[in-house]
Amino acid sequence: MKAKVYVTIKENVLDPQGNAVQGALHSLGFSEVGKVRIGKFMEVELDAADRAQAEAQLKSMCEKLLANTVVEDYRFELEG
């Protein structure tokens, strides 16, 4: 089973990297760009017995390693 995991900084947390990208885009002439937020994207192959087990495994992975849940949110999608 294949999973796509998206990790993003929480809305109430400052994103200096996103601000830097926004500034760079403005300096390149893309003045229409508003707020930019930076995140992470991962693809994970799972050998799970069923969808429920895969979801439980992914939740555990995200909370233990893939996302810093103090400042980041996560979501995932399962394929197959």
Protein backbone atom coordinates (compact mmCIF):
# COMPACT_ATOMS: atom_id res chain seq x y z
CA MET A 1 0.00 0.00 0.00
CA LYS A 2 1.32 3.44 -0.87
CA ALA A 3 0.79 6.52 1.27
CA LYS A 4 1.35 10.20 0.61
CA VAL A 5 2.16 12.19 3.75
CA TYR A 6 1.91 15.98 3.91
CA VAL A 7 3.45 17.89 6.82
CA THR A 8 2.84 21.64 7.16
CA ILE A 9 3.63 24.28 9.74
CA LYS A 10 0.61 25.16 11.87
CA GLU A 11 -1.14 28.40 10.90
CA ASN A 12 -0.29 30.12 14.20
CA VAL A 13 3.47 29.37 13.86
CA LEU A 14 5.80 31.79 12.07
CA ASP A 15 7.33 30.42 8.85
CA PRO A 16 10.61 32.27 8.16
CA GLN A 17 11.43 29.99 5.24
CA GLY A 18 8.06 30.75 3.66
CA ASN A 19 8.65 34.48 4.21
CA ALA A 20 12.05 34.22 2.51
CA VAL A 21 10.52 32.45 -0.50
CA GLN A 22 7.75 35.06 -0.69
CA GLY A 23 10.35 37.86 -0.66
CA ALA A 24 12.41 36.14 -3.35
CA LEU A 25 9.34 35.67 -5.55
CA HIS A 26 8.48 39.36 -5.15
CA SER A 27 12.04 40.35 -6.10
CA LEU A 28 11.71 38.19 -9.24
CA GLY A 29 8.63 40.16 -10.27
CA PHE A 30 5.90 37.89 -8.91
CA SER A 31 4.25 40.62 -6.85
CA GLU A 32 0.88 38.84 -6.98
CA VAL A 33 2.17 36.13 -4.63
CA GLY A 34 0.67 36.43 -1.17
CA LYS A 35 1.55 34.31 1.83
CA VAL A 36 3.88 31.34 1.26
CA ARG A 37 4.05 28.39 3.67
CA ILE A 38 6.71 25.69 3.39
CA GLY A 39 6.06 22.03 4.18
CA LYS A 40 7.24 18.48 3.51
CA PHE A 41 5.92 15.74 1.27
CA MET A 42 6.77 12.04 1.66
CA GLU A 43 5.77 8.84 -0.11
CA VAL A 44 5.75 5.75 2.08
CA GLU A 45 5.32 2.14 0.97
CA LEU A 46 3.55 0.06 3.62
CA ASP A 47 3.11 -3.67 4.00
CA ALA A 48 -0.11 -3.59 5.99
CA ALA A 49 -2.79 -6.25 6.35
CA ASP A 50 -5.62 -3.79 5.72
CA ARG A 51 -6.46 -0.10 5.42
CA ALA A 52 -7.20 0.35 9.14
CA GLN A 53 -3.81 -1.07 10.11
CA ALA A 54 -2.08 1.15 7.52
CA GLU A 55 -3.84 4.24 8.89
CA ALA A 56 -2.84 3.35 12.46
CA GLN A 57 0.78 2.79 11.39
CA LEU A 58 0.91 6.09 9.51
CA LYS A 59 -0.57 8.01 12.44
CA SER A 60 2.05 6.52 14.73
CA MET A 61 4.88 7.30 12.28
CA CYS A 62 3.75 10.90 11.91
CA GLU A 63 3.39 11.50 15.62
CA LYS A 64 6.70 9.81 16.54
CA LEU A 65 8.99 10.95 13.72
CA LEU A 66 7.65 12.47 10.52
CA ALA A 67 6.01 15.55 12.06
CA ASN A 68 6.83 17.71 15.04
CA THR A 69 3.24 17.91 16.28
CA VAL A 70 4.03 20.89 18.53
CA VAL A 71 4.49 23.16 15.48
CA GLU A 72 3.36 21.03 12.52
CA ASP A 73 0.14 19.48 11.26
CA TYR A 74 0.04 16.36 9.11
CA ARG A 75 -2.34 14.51 6.86
CA PHE A 76 -1.98 11.45 4.70
CA GLU A 77 -3.68 9.74 1.78
CA LEU A 78 -3.66 6.00 1.15
CA GLU A 79 -3.63 4.50 -2.34
CA GLY A 80 -4.57 0.94 -3.07
